[in-house]
Amino acid sequence: MVDDFWGTPEWAVFEQSMRKVFPGRPAVELPTSEQIFHTVYDLNDRYQIVGAWGLGGIGYQNDGDTPYWKGIYDEKGRVVVAIVMNSDTGDSWEYADDPEYPEKYSALGIRVGVNYIIYAMTH
């Protein structure tokens, strides 16, 4: 799982690196129907997860105001790299018990993490 990178400049570096790791396998938008979003929780309503650093201010960096849920598939059609761009899922886990951090972000982040782990163990 790749998380917490923001906007066009950081995407360019990430994409260039992934081409070296998975040549010929582009990162693509994952449709809402993708199994990874439905292993335990149905994640039809995904939204940008703001990091603790962005609370009370601009909740994104660079030009990363829109969250993207992408993936890289293997030859059998399984997601082998889950990409959450323009969100900070890690902060949603780290600050889940902080009363200042909004529960809605932690709730989504935890569900995403559970789904991704179960998907990785079963596919």
Protein backbone atom coordinates (compact mmCIF):
# COMPACT_ATOMS: atom_id res chain seq x y z
CA MET A 1 0.00 0.00 0.00
CA VAL A 2 1.25 3.43 -0.93
CA ASP A 3 -0.13 6.48 0.84
CA ASP A 4 0.50 10.11 1.79
CA PHE A 5 1.87 11.67 -1.36
CA TRP A 6 0.33 14.74 -2.84
CA GLY A 7 -0.22 16.33 -6.22
CA THR A 8 1.25 16.22 -9.68
CA PRO A 9 4.95 16.57 -8.77
CA GLU A 10 4.95 13.71 -6.27
CA TRP A 11 2.82 11.53 -8.57
CA ALA A 12 5.38 11.98 -11.37
CA VAL A 13 8.22 10.71 -9.16
CA PHE A 14 6.13 7.80 -7.88
CA GLU A 15 4.95 6.78 -11.35
CA GLN A 16 8.49 6.90 -12.74
CA SER A 17 9.70 4.64 -9.94
CA MET A 18 6.83 2.15 -10.34
CA ARG A 19 7.62 1.79 -14.05
CA LYS A 20 11.01 0.41 -12.99
CA VAL A 21 9.45 -2.03 -10.52
CA PHE A 22 6.49 -3.09 -12.68
CA PRO A 23 7.39 -2.35 -16.30
CA GLY A 24 4.37 -2.54 -18.57
CA ARG A 25 1.91 -2.43 -15.66
CA PRO A 26 0.49 1.07 -15.32
CA ALA A 27 -1.25 2.41 -12.25
CA VAL A 28 -4.95 2.73 -13.04
CA GLU A 29 -8.02 4.10 -11.30
CA LEU A 30 -9.69 1.40 -9.24
CA PRO A 31 -13.43 1.24 -9.88
CA THR A 32 -15.74 1.24 -6.88
CA SER A 33 -16.69 -2.32 -7.84
CA GLU A 34 -13.08 -3.51 -7.33
CA GLN A 35 -12.98 -6.42 -4.87
CA ILE A 36 -10.42 -4.68 -2.65
CA PHE A 37 -13.14 -2.21 -1.65
CA HIS A 38 -15.56 -4.99 -0.65
CA THR A 39 -13.61 -7.68 1.22
CA VAL A 40 -14.94 -6.85 4.70
CA TYR A 41 -16.37 -3.35 4.42
CA ASP A 42 -18.19 -1.90 1.42
CA LEU A 43 -16.24 1.26 0.68
CA ASN A 44 -18.49 2.89 -1.87
CA ASP A 45 -18.12 6.32 -0.23
CA ARG A 46 -14.41 7.08 -0.16
CA TYR A 47 -13.17 10.62 0.41
CA GLN A 48 -9.98 12.50 1.09
CA ILE A 49 -8.45 11.65 4.45
CA VAL A 50 -6.86 14.78 5.85
CA GLY A 51 -3.65 14.37 7.79
CA ALA A 52 -3.31 15.78 11.30
CA TRP A 53 -1.05 18.45 9.83
CA GLY A 54 -3.93 19.72 7.63
CA LEU A 55 -6.65 20.11 10.23
CA GLY A 56 -7.86 23.66 10.56
CA GLY A 57 -6.09 24.76 7.40
CA ILE A 58 -5.62 23.57 3.87
CA GLY A 59 -6.14 19.82 4.01
CA TYR A 60 -3.89 19.02 1.06
CA GLN A 61 -0.45 19.76 -0.35
CA ASN A 62 0.72 20.86 -3.78
CA ASP A 63 -2.24 20.58 -6.18
CA GLY A 64 -3.52 17.42 -4.45
CA ASP A 65 -7.03 18.50 -3.58
CA THR A 66 -8.70 15.43 -5.15
CA PRO A 67 -8.16 11.92 -3.74
CA TYR A 68 -7.35 9.09 -6.13
CA TRP A 69 -7.67 5.37 -5.47
CA LYS A 70 -5.41 3.61 -7.92
CA GLY A 71 -3.77 0.25 -8.25
CA ILE A 72 -1.36 -1.87 -10.21
CA TYR A 73 -2.61 -5.30 -11.24
CA ASP A 74 -0.67 -8.52 -11.74
CA GLU A 75 -1.13 -10.91 -14.66
CA LYS A 76 -4.03 -12.61 -12.85
CA GLY A 77 -5.95 -9.38 -12.34
CA ARG A 78 -5.14 -8.99 -8.64
CA VAL A 79 -4.23 -5.64 -7.12
CA VAL A 80 -0.59 -5.92 -6.08
CA VAL A 81 -0.03 -2.24 -5.35
CA ALA A 82 -2.85 -0.25 -3.74
CA ILE A 83 -2.33 3.49 -4.11
CA VAL A 84 -4.14 6.19 -2.15
CA MET A 85 -2.99 9.50 -3.60
CA ASN A 86 -3.83 12.86 -2.03
CA SER A 87 -4.86 11.37 1.30
CA ASP A 88 -3.12 10.54 4.56
CA THR A 89 -4.44 7.14 5.59
CA GLY A 90 -1.47 6.63 7.89
CA ASP A 91 -2.44 9.64 9.98
CA SER A 92 -5.98 8.29 10.26
CA TRP A 93 -4.51 5.25 12.01
CA GLU A 94 -1.92 7.14 14.04
CA TYR A 95 -4.42 9.65 15.42
CA ALA A 96 -7.46 7.35 15.72
CA ASP A 97 -7.56 7.78 19.52
CA ASP A 98 -6.82 11.52 19.50
CA PRO A 99 -9.99 13.44 20.44
CA GLU A 100 -8.85 16.35 18.24
CA TYR A 101 -8.66 14.19 15.11
CA PRO A 102 -12.02 13.76 13.30
CA GLU A 103 -13.46 10.27 13.71
CA LYS A 104 -14.74 10.20 10.12
CA TYR A 105 -11.18 10.08 8.80
CA SER A 106 -10.09 7.34 11.20
CA ALA A 107 -13.24 5.32 10.47
CA LEU A 108 -12.52 5.31 6.73
CA GLY A 109 -8.80 4.75 7.19
CA ILE A 110 -9.28 1.74 9.45
CA ARG A 111 -11.80 0.21 7.05
CA VAL A 112 -9.43 0.75 4.14
CA GLY A 113 -6.60 -0.91 6.07
CA VAL A 114 -8.72 -3.90 7.09
CA ASN A 115 -9.95 -4.40 3.53
CA TYR A 116 -6.45 -4.17 2.09
CA ILE A 117 -5.01 -6.65 4.59
CA ILE A 118 -7.79 -9.20 4.09
CA TYR A 119 -7.60 -8.78 0.31
CA ALA A 120 -3.82 -9.38 0.40
CA MET A 121 -4.32 -12.54 2.49
CA THR A 122 -7.08 -13.99 0.34
CA HIS A 123 -6.26 -13.12 -3.26
